Amino acid sequence: MPDCDDTLRELQTFLDGELSDDAVGTMQAHLDGCPDCLQAFDFHAELRSVIAAKCHDALPPGLLARLEQCLQADIDGDGRIG
């Protein structure tokens, strides 16, 4: 993840634990040096935590797709979440 756009696109994969060890190191190094991407990471991690705490059963139909669509719109808009 050499830049912010790549990092933001890979946040979900990173949070899912689906990146290679090398990619995790690169992602972590970028997050350590980039307050904007770290803020986006914190937002995504907190959102996951809230959803997990509130949705004890399966997610309501379409909720995950709507959340992903909203988050992607933020990323596509200016490369930053928020």
PDB file of N, CA and C in Angstrom:
ATOM      1  N   MET A   1       0.842  -1.173   0.000  1.00  0.00           N
ATOM      2  CA  MET A   1       0.000   0.000   0.000  1.00  0.00           C
ATOM      3  C   MET A   1       0.890   1.240   0.000  1.00  0.00           C
ATOM      4  N   PRO A   2       1.371   1.640  -1.145  1.00  0.00           N
ATOM      5  CA  PRO A   2       2.309   2.764  -1.164  1.00  0.00           C
ATOM      6  C   PRO A   2       1.668   4.127  -0.933  1.00  0.00           C
ATOM      7  N   ASP A   3       0.376   4.277  -1.159  1.00  0.00           N
ATOM      8  CA  ASP A   3      -0.220   5.598  -0.970  1.00  0.00           C
ATOM      9  C   ASP A   3      -1.566   5.484  -0.247  1.00  0.00           C
ATOM     10  N   CYS A   4      -2.151   6.631   0.060  1.00  0.00           N
ATOM     11  CA  CYS A   4      -3.400   6.668   0.829  1.00  0.00           C
ATOM     12  C   CYS A   4      -4.553   5.983   0.095  1.00  0.00           C
ATOM     13  N   ASP A   5      -4.675   6.201  -1.192  1.00  0.00           N
ATOM     14  CA  ASP A   5      -5.774   5.585  -1.941  1.00  0.00           C
ATOM     15  C   ASP A   5      -5.709   4.060  -1.850  1.00  0.00           C
ATOM     16  N   ASP A   6      -4.527   3.503  -2.035  1.00  0.00           N
ATOM     17  CA  ASP A   6      -4.365   2.049  -1.936  1.00  0.00           C
ATOM     18  C   ASP A   6      -4.663   1.570  -0.514  1.00  0.00           C
ATOM     19  N   THR A   7      -4.181   2.310   0.452  1.00  0.00           N
ATOM     20  CA  THR A   7      -4.402   1.945   1.847  1.00  0.00           C
ATOM     21  C   THR A   7      -5.890   1.939   2.171  1.00  0.00           C
ATOM     22  N   LEU A   8      -6.610   2.970   1.766  1.00  0.00           N
ATOM     23  CA  LEU A   8      -8.040   3.056   2.052  1.00  0.00           C
ATOM     24  C   LEU A   8      -8.814   1.937   1.363  1.00  0.00           C
ATOM     25  N   ARG A   9      -8.410   1.580   0.150  1.00  0.00           N
ATOM     26  CA  ARG A   9      -9.080   0.490  -0.558  1.00  0.00           C
ATOM     27  C   ARG A   9      -8.873  -0.853   0.141  1.00  0.00           C
ATOM     28  N   GLU A  10      -7.763  -1.015   0.824  1.00  0.00           N
ATOM     29  CA  GLU A  10      -7.429  -2.297   1.449  1.00  0.00           C
ATOM     30  C   GLU A  10      -7.787  -2.372   2.933  1.00  0.00           C
ATOM     31  N   LEU A  11      -8.405  -1.323   3.493  1.00  0.00           N
ATOM     32  CA  LEU A  11      -8.713  -1.333   4.928  1.00  0.00           C
ATOM     33  C   LEU A  11      -9.566  -2.530   5.340  1.00  0.00           C
ATOM     34  N   GLN A  12     -10.610  -2.822   4.591  1.00  0.00           N
ATOM     35  CA  GLN A  12     -11.486  -3.933   4.964  1.00  0.00           C
ATOM     36  C   GLN A  12     -10.737  -5.261   4.918  1.00  0.00           C
ATOM     37  N   THR A  13      -9.920  -5.437   3.912  1.00  0.00           N
ATOM     38  CA  THR A  13      -9.130  -6.661   3.793  1.00  0.00           C
ATOM     39  C   THR A  13      -8.160  -6.765   4.967  1.00  0.00           C
ATOM     40  N   PHE A  14      -7.571  -5.651   5.348  1.00  0.00           N
ATOM     41  CA  PHE A  14      -6.676  -5.602   6.501  1.00  0.00           C
ATOM     42  C   PHE A  14      -7.427  -5.966   7.777  1.00  0.00           C
ATOM     43  N   LEU A  15      -8.590  -5.353   7.982  1.00  0.00           N
ATOM     44  CA  LEU A  15      -9.385  -5.628   9.178  1.00  0.00           C
ATOM     45  C   LEU A  15      -9.891  -7.073   9.211  1.00  0.00           C
ATOM     46  N   ASP A  16     -10.110  -7.649   8.040  1.00  0.00           N
ATOM     47  CA  ASP A  16     -10.558  -9.037   7.956  1.00  0.00           C
ATOM     48  C   ASP A  16      -9.413 -10.026   8.197  1.00  0.00           C
ATOM     49  N   GLY A  17      -8.178  -9.526   8.262  1.00  0.00           N
ATOM     50  CA  GLY A  17      -7.029 -10.401   8.448  1.00  0.00           C
ATOM     51  C   GLY A  17      -6.691 -11.206   7.218  1.00  0.00           C
ATOM     52  N   GLU A  18      -6.989 -10.659   6.048  1.00  0.00           N
ATOM     53  CA  GLU A  18      -6.811 -11.397   4.803  1.00  0.00           C
ATOM     54  C   GLU A  18      -5.628 -10.915   3.963  1.00  0.00           C
ATOM     55  N   LEU A  19      -4.776 -10.073   4.529  1.00  0.00           N
ATOM     56  CA  LEU A  19      -3.594  -9.619   3.795  1.00  0.00           C
ATOM     57  C   LEU A  19      -2.414 -10.536   4.105  1.00  0.00           C
ATOM     58  N   SER A  20      -1.484 -10.599   3.167  1.00  0.00           N
ATOM     59  CA  SER A  20      -0.253 -11.351   3.403  1.00  0.00           C
ATOM     60  C   SER A  20       0.543 -10.659   4.508  1.00  0.00           C
ATOM     61  N   ASP A  21       1.492 -11.367   5.080  1.00  0.00           N
ATOM     62  CA  ASP A  21       2.324 -10.790   6.136  1.00  0.00           C
ATOM     63  C   ASP A  21       3.060  -9.543   5.646  1.00  0.00           C
ATOM     64  N   ASP A  22       3.570  -9.598   4.414  1.00  0.00           N
ATOM     65  CA  ASP A  22       4.262  -8.432   3.851  1.00  0.00           C
ATOM     66  C   ASP A  22       3.321  -7.246   3.707  1.00  0.00           C
ATOM     67  N   ALA A  23       2.102  -7.516   3.213  1.00  0.00           N
ATOM     68  CA  ALA A  23       1.127  -6.434   3.027  1.00  0.00           C
ATOM     69  C   ALA A  23       0.690  -5.858   4.371  1.00  0.00           C
ATOM     70  N   VAL A  24       0.571  -6.700   5.389  1.00  0.00           N
ATOM     71  CA  VAL A  24       0.212  -6.214   6.730  1.00  0.00           C
ATOM     72  C   VAL A  24       1.295  -5.261   7.230  1.00  0.00           C
ATOM     73  N   GLY A  25       2.551  -5.636   7.058  1.00  0.00           N
ATOM     74  CA  GLY A  25       3.648  -4.765   7.482  1.00  0.00           C
ATOM     75  C   GLY A  25       3.641  -3.434   6.762  1.00  0.00           C
ATOM     76  N   THR A  26       3.392  -3.484   5.465  1.00  0.00           N
ATOM     77  CA  THR A  26       3.338  -2.257   4.678  1.00  0.00           C
ATOM     78  C   THR A  26       2.159  -1.393   5.107  1.00  0.00           C
ATOM     79  N   MET A  27       1.009  -2.030   5.310  1.00  0.00           N
ATOM     80  CA  MET A  27      -0.185  -1.314   5.745  1.00  0.00           C
ATOM     81  C   MET A  27       0.052  -0.669   7.106  1.00  0.00           C
ATOM     82  N   GLN A  28       0.607  -1.429   8.039  1.00  0.00           N
ATOM     83  CA  GLN A  28       0.846  -0.904   9.385  1.00  0.00           C
ATOM     84  C   GLN A  28       1.827   0.263   9.347  1.00  0.00           C
ATOM     85  N   ALA A  29       2.860   0.144   8.532  1.00  0.00           N
ATOM     86  CA  ALA A  29       3.837   1.234   8.405  1.00  0.00           C
ATOM     87  C   ALA A  29       3.168   2.491   7.866  1.00  0.00           C
ATOM     88  N   HIS A  30       2.290   2.339   6.886  1.00  0.00           N
ATOM     89  CA  HIS A  30       1.590   3.502   6.345  1.00  0.00           C
ATOM     90  C   HIS A  30       0.677   4.111   7.404  1.00  0.00           C
ATOM     91  N   LEU A  31      -0.085   3.276   8.100  1.00  0.00           N
ATOM     92  CA  LEU A  31      -0.984   3.783   9.141  1.00  0.00           C
ATOM     93  C   LEU A  31      -0.210   4.492  10.243  1.00  0.00           C
ATOM     94  N   ASP A  32       0.962   3.982  10.597  1.00  0.00           N
ATOM     95  CA  ASP A  32       1.784   4.602  11.638  1.00  0.00           C
ATOM     96  C   ASP A  32       2.266   5.994  11.233  1.00  0.00           C
ATOM     97  N   GLY A  33       2.410   6.225   9.937  1.00  0.00           N
ATOM     98  CA  GLY A  33       2.934   7.501   9.474  1.00  0.00           C
ATOM     99  C   GLY A  33       1.905   8.429   8.852  1.00  0.00           C
ATOM    100  N   CYS A  34       0.641   8.022   8.807  1.00  0.00           N
ATOM    101  CA  CYS A  34      -0.369   8.832   8.112  1.00  0.00           C
ATOM    102  C   CYS A  34      -1.596   9.013   9.015  1.00  0.00           C
ATOM    103  N   PRO A  35      -1.724  10.170   9.644  1.00  0.00           N
ATOM    104  CA  PRO A  35      -2.850  10.392  10.556  1.00  0.00           C
ATOM    105  C   PRO A  35      -4.212  10.295   9.866  1.00  0.00           C
ATOM    106  N   ASP A  36      -4.312  10.698   8.611  1.00  0.00           N
ATOM    107  CA  ASP A  36      -5.598  10.624   7.903  1.00  0.00           C
ATOM    108  C   ASP A  36      -6.036   9.172   7.705  1.00  0.00           C
ATOM    109  N   CYS A  37      -5.130   8.330   7.270  1.00  0.00           N
ATOM    110  CA  CYS A  37      -5.469   6.916   7.070  1.00  0.00           C
ATOM    111  C   CYS A  37      -5.700   6.221   8.406  1.00  0.00           C
ATOM    112  N   LEU A  38      -4.939   6.604   9.422  1.00  0.00           N
ATOM    113  CA  LEU A  38      -5.155   6.036  10.749  1.00  0.00           C
ATOM    114  C   LEU A  38      -6.544   6.396  11.267  1.00  0.00           C
ATOM    115  N   GLN A  39      -6.986   7.621  11.008  1.00  0.00           N
ATOM    116  CA  GLN A  39      -8.330   8.036  11.411  1.00  0.00           C
ATOM    117  C   GLN A  39      -9.383   7.200  10.676  1.00  0.00           C
ATOM    118  N   ALA A  40      -9.173   6.966   9.392  1.00  0.00           N
ATOM    119  CA  ALA A  40     -10.106   6.129   8.626  1.00  0.00           C
ATOM    120  C   ALA A  40     -10.107   4.702   9.174  1.00  0.00           C
ATOM    121  N   PHE A  41      -8.931   4.182   9.495  1.00  0.00           N
ATOM    122  CA  PHE A  41      -8.830   2.849  10.080  1.00  0.00           C
ATOM    123  C   PHE A  41      -9.598   2.779  11.402  1.00  0.00           C
ATOM    124  N   ASP A  42      -9.385   3.767  12.255  1.00  0.00           N
ATOM    125  CA  ASP A  42     -10.079   3.791  13.546  1.00  0.00           C
ATOM    126  C   ASP A  42     -11.589   3.823  13.353  1.00  0.00           C
ATOM    127  N   PHE A  43     -12.053   4.609  12.379  1.00  0.00           N
ATOM    128  CA  PHE A  43     -13.486   4.692  12.094  1.00  0.00           C
ATOM    129  C   PHE A  43     -14.031   3.323  11.675  1.00  0.00           C
ATOM    130  N   HIS A  44     -13.358   2.677  10.745  1.00  0.00           N
ATOM    131  CA  HIS A  44     -13.805   1.369  10.255  1.00  0.00           C
ATOM    132  C   HIS A  44     -13.791   0.327  11.373  1.00  0.00           C
ATOM    133  N   ALA A  45     -12.738   0.333  12.179  1.00  0.00           N
ATOM    134  CA  ALA A  45     -12.637  -0.631  13.275  1.00  0.00           C
ATOM    135  C   ALA A  45     -13.748  -0.391  14.299  1.00  0.00           C
ATOM    136  N   GLU A  46     -14.021   0.867  14.625  1.00  0.00           N
ATOM    137  CA  GLU A  46     -15.088   1.185  15.579  1.00  0.00           C
ATOM    138  C   GLU A  46     -16.450   0.830  15.006  1.00  0.00           C
ATOM    139  N   LEU A  47     -16.669   1.105  13.736  1.00  0.00           N
ATOM    140  CA  LEU A  47     -17.932   0.756  13.088  1.00  0.00           C
ATOM    141  C   LEU A  47     -18.163  -0.750  13.164  1.00  0.00           C
ATOM    142  N   ARG A  48     -17.144  -1.534  12.880  1.00  0.00           N
ATOM    143  CA  ARG A  48     -17.255  -2.989  12.984  1.00  0.00           C
ATOM    144  C   ARG A  48     -17.626  -3.408  14.399  1.00  0.00           C
ATOM    145  N   SER A  49     -17.001  -2.763  15.371  1.00  0.00           N
ATOM    146  CA  SER A  49     -17.256  -3.092  16.765  1.00  0.00           C
ATOM    147  C   SER A  49     -18.700  -2.779  17.154  1.00  0.00           C
ATOM    148  N   VAL A  50     -19.195  -1.615  16.740  1.00  0.00           N
ATOM    149  CA  VAL A  50     -20.570  -1.224  17.050  1.00  0.00           C
ATOM    150  C   VAL A  50     -21.558  -2.172  16.388  1.00  0.00           C
ATOM    151  N   ILE A  51     -21.325  -2.486  15.133  1.00  0.00           N
ATOM    152  CA  ILE A  51     -22.221  -3.402  14.418  1.00  0.00           C
ATOM    153  C   ILE A  51     -22.218  -4.768  15.092  1.00  0.00           C
ATOM    154  N   ALA A  52     -21.050  -5.249  15.458  1.00  0.00           N
ATOM    155  CA  ALA A  52     -20.962  -6.550  16.112  1.00  0.00           C
ATOM    156  C   ALA A  52     -21.700  -6.543  17.450  1.00  0.00           C
ATOM    157  N   ALA A  53     -21.608  -5.436  18.176  1.00  0.00           N
ATOM    158  CA  ALA A  53     -22.274  -5.352  19.478  1.00  0.00           C
ATOM    159  C   ALA A  53     -23.787  -5.246  19.343  1.00  0.00           C
ATOM    160  N   LYS A  54     -24.249  -4.575  18.300  1.00  0.00           N
ATOM    161  CA  LYS A  54     -25.683  -4.338  18.129  1.00  0.00           C
ATOM    162  C   LYS A  54     -26.395  -5.423  17.347  1.00  0.00           C
ATOM    163  N   CYS A  55     -25.692  -6.103  16.486  1.00  0.00           N
ATOM    164  CA  CYS A  55     -26.314  -7.119  15.636  1.00  0.00           C
ATOM    165  C   CYS A  55     -25.926  -8.502  16.139  1.00  0.00           C
ATOM    166  N   HIS A  56     -26.641  -8.961  17.130  1.00  0.00           N
ATOM    167  CA  HIS A  56     -26.342 -10.269  17.701  1.00  0.00           C
ATOM    168  C   HIS A  56     -26.753 -11.391  16.751  1.00  0.00           C
ATOM    169  N   ASP A  57     -27.754 -11.133  15.955  1.00  0.00           N
ATOM    170  CA  ASP A  57     -28.189 -12.096  14.949  1.00  0.00           C
ATOM    171  C   ASP A  57     -27.561 -11.697  13.626  1.00  0.00           C
ATOM    172  N   ALA A  58     -28.003 -12.327  12.573  1.00  0.00           N
ATOM    173  CA  ALA A  58     -27.521 -11.977  11.231  1.00  0.00           C
ATOM    174  C   ALA A  58     -27.896 -10.534  10.916  1.00  0.00           C
ATOM    175  N   LEU A  59     -27.080  -9.900  10.113  1.00  0.00           N
ATOM    176  CA  LEU A  59     -27.373  -8.525   9.697  1.00  0.00           C
ATOM    177  C   LEU A  59     -28.703  -8.478   8.964  1.00  0.00           C
ATOM    178  N   PRO A  60     -29.447  -7.404   9.170  1.00  0.00           N
ATOM    179  CA  PRO A  60     -30.677  -7.261   8.393  1.00  0.00           C
ATOM    180  C   PRO A  60     -30.362  -7.284   6.897  1.00  0.00           C
ATOM    181  N   PRO A  61     -31.274  -7.817   6.091  1.00  0.00           N
ATOM    182  CA  PRO A  61     -31.013  -7.909   4.646  1.00  0.00           C
ATOM    183  C   PRO A  61     -30.631  -6.550   4.058  1.00  0.00           C
ATOM    184  N   GLY A  62     -29.540  -6.539   3.321  1.00  0.00           N
ATOM    185  CA  GLY A  62     -29.121  -5.340   2.616  1.00  0.00           C
ATOM    186  C   GLY A  62     -28.298  -4.358   3.434  1.00  0.00           C
ATOM    187  N   LEU A  63     -28.210  -4.523   4.764  1.00  0.00           N
ATOM    188  CA  LEU A  63     -27.478  -3.556   5.584  1.00  0.00           C
ATOM    189  C   LEU A  63     -26.004  -3.506   5.220  1.00  0.00           C
ATOM    190  N   LEU A  64     -25.373  -4.650   5.110  1.00  0.00           N
ATOM    191  CA  LEU A  64     -23.956  -4.671   4.786  1.00  0.00           C
ATOM    192  C   LEU A  64     -23.692  -4.030   3.428  1.00  0.00           C
ATOM    193  N   ALA A  65     -24.507  -4.320   2.454  1.00  0.00           N
ATOM    194  CA  ALA A  65     -24.335  -3.733   1.121  1.00  0.00           C
ATOM    195  C   ALA A  65     -24.493  -2.217   1.176  1.00  0.00           C
ATOM    196  N   ARG A  66     -25.469  -1.729   1.951  1.00  0.00           N
ATOM    197  CA  ARG A  66     -25.672  -0.279   2.070  1.00  0.00           C
ATOM    198  C   ARG A  66     -24.498   0.393   2.761  1.00  0.00           C
ATOM    199  N   LEU A  67     -23.970  -0.238   3.811  1.00  0.00           N
ATOM    200  CA  LEU A  67     -22.806   0.317   4.504  1.00  0.00           C
ATOM    201  C   LEU A  67     -21.598   0.369   3.577  1.00  0.00           C
ATOM    202  N   GLU A  68     -21.352  -0.707   2.861  1.00  0.00           N
ATOM    203  CA  GLU A  68     -20.224  -0.737   1.933  1.00  0.00           C
ATOM    204  C   GLU A  68     -20.374   0.329   0.857  1.00  0.00           C
ATOM    205  N   GLN A  69     -21.587   0.529   0.373  1.00  0.00           N
ATOM    206  CA  GLN A  69     -21.843   1.535  -0.654  1.00  0.00           C
ATOM    207  C   GLN A  69     -21.555   2.936  -0.110  1.00  0.00           C
ATOM    208  N   CYS A  70     -21.991   3.218   1.100  1.00  0.00           N
ATOM    209  CA  CYS A  70     -21.741   4.528   1.710  1.00  0.00           C
ATOM    210  C   CYS A  70     -20.253   4.759   1.929  1.00  0.00           C
ATOM    211  N   LEU A  71     -19.561   3.755   2.443  1.00  0.00           N
ATOM    212  CA  LEU A  71     -18.132   3.895   2.690  1.00  0.00           C
ATOM    213  C   LEU A  71     -17.371   4.052   1.387  1.00  0.00           C
ATOM    214  N   GLN A  72     -17.759   3.318   0.357  1.00  0.00           N
ATOM    215  CA  GLN A  72     -17.083   3.437  -0.931  1.00  0.00           C
ATOM    216  C   GLN A  72     -17.305   4.821  -1.528  1.00  0.00           C
ATOM    217  N   ALA A  73     -18.496   5.383  -1.350  1.00  0.00           N
ATOM    218  CA  ALA A  73     -18.781   6.724  -1.848  1.00  0.00           C
ATOM    219  C   ALA A  73     -17.866   7.743  -1.166  1.00  0.00           C
ATOM    220  N   ASP A  74     -17.618   7.571   0.136  1.00  0.00           N
ATOM    221  CA  ASP A  74     -16.711   8.469   0.847  1.00  0.00           C
ATOM    222  C   ASP A  74     -15.284   8.340   0.303  1.00  0.00           C
ATOM    223  N   ILE A  75     -14.858   7.105   0.081  1.00  0.00           N
ATOM    224  CA  ILE A  75     -13.509   6.878  -0.432  1.00  0.00           C
ATOM    225  C   ILE A  75     -13.371   7.449  -1.830  1.00  0.00           C
ATOM    226  N   ASP A  76     -14.353   7.204  -2.686  1.00  0.00           N
ATOM    227  CA  ASP A  76     -14.305   7.695  -4.068  1.00  0.00           C
ATOM    228  C   ASP A  76     -14.375   9.214  -4.139  1.00  0.00           C
ATOM    229  N   GLY A  77     -15.058   9.823  -3.168  1.00  0.00           N
ATOM    230  CA  GLY A  77     -15.261  11.269  -3.187  1.00  0.00           C
ATOM    231  C   GLY A  77     -13.973  12.050  -3.113  1.00  0.00           C
ATOM    232  N   ASP A  78     -13.189  11.839  -2.067  1.00  0.00           N
ATOM    233  CA  ASP A  78     -11.971  12.630  -1.934  1.00  0.00           C
ATOM    234  C   ASP A  78     -10.795  11.823  -1.392  1.00  0.00           C
ATOM    235  N   GLY A  79     -10.957  10.506  -1.316  1.00  0.00           N
ATOM    236  CA  GLY A  79      -9.867   9.675  -0.855  1.00  0.00           C
ATOM    237  C   GLY A  79      -9.755   9.608   0.653  1.00  0.00           C
ATOM    238  N   ARG A  80     -10.650  10.246   1.356  1.00  0.00           N
ATOM    239  CA  ARG A  80     -10.638  10.246   2.811  1.00  0.00           C
ATOM    240  C   ARG A  80     -12.009   9.879   3.340  1.00  0.00           C
ATOM    241  N   ILE A  81     -12.040   9.252   4.479  1.00  0.00           N
ATOM    242  CA  ILE A  81     -13.297   8.939   5.133  1.00  0.00           C
ATOM    243  C   ILE A  81     -13.649  10.096   6.045  1.00  0.00           C
ATOM    244  N   GLY A  82     -14.930  10.434   6.054  1.00  0.00           N
ATOM    245  CA  GLY A  82     -15.362  11.437   7.030  1.00  0.00           C
ATOM    246  C   GLY A  82     -15.947  12.605   6.452  1.00  0.00           C
TER     247      GLY A  82
END
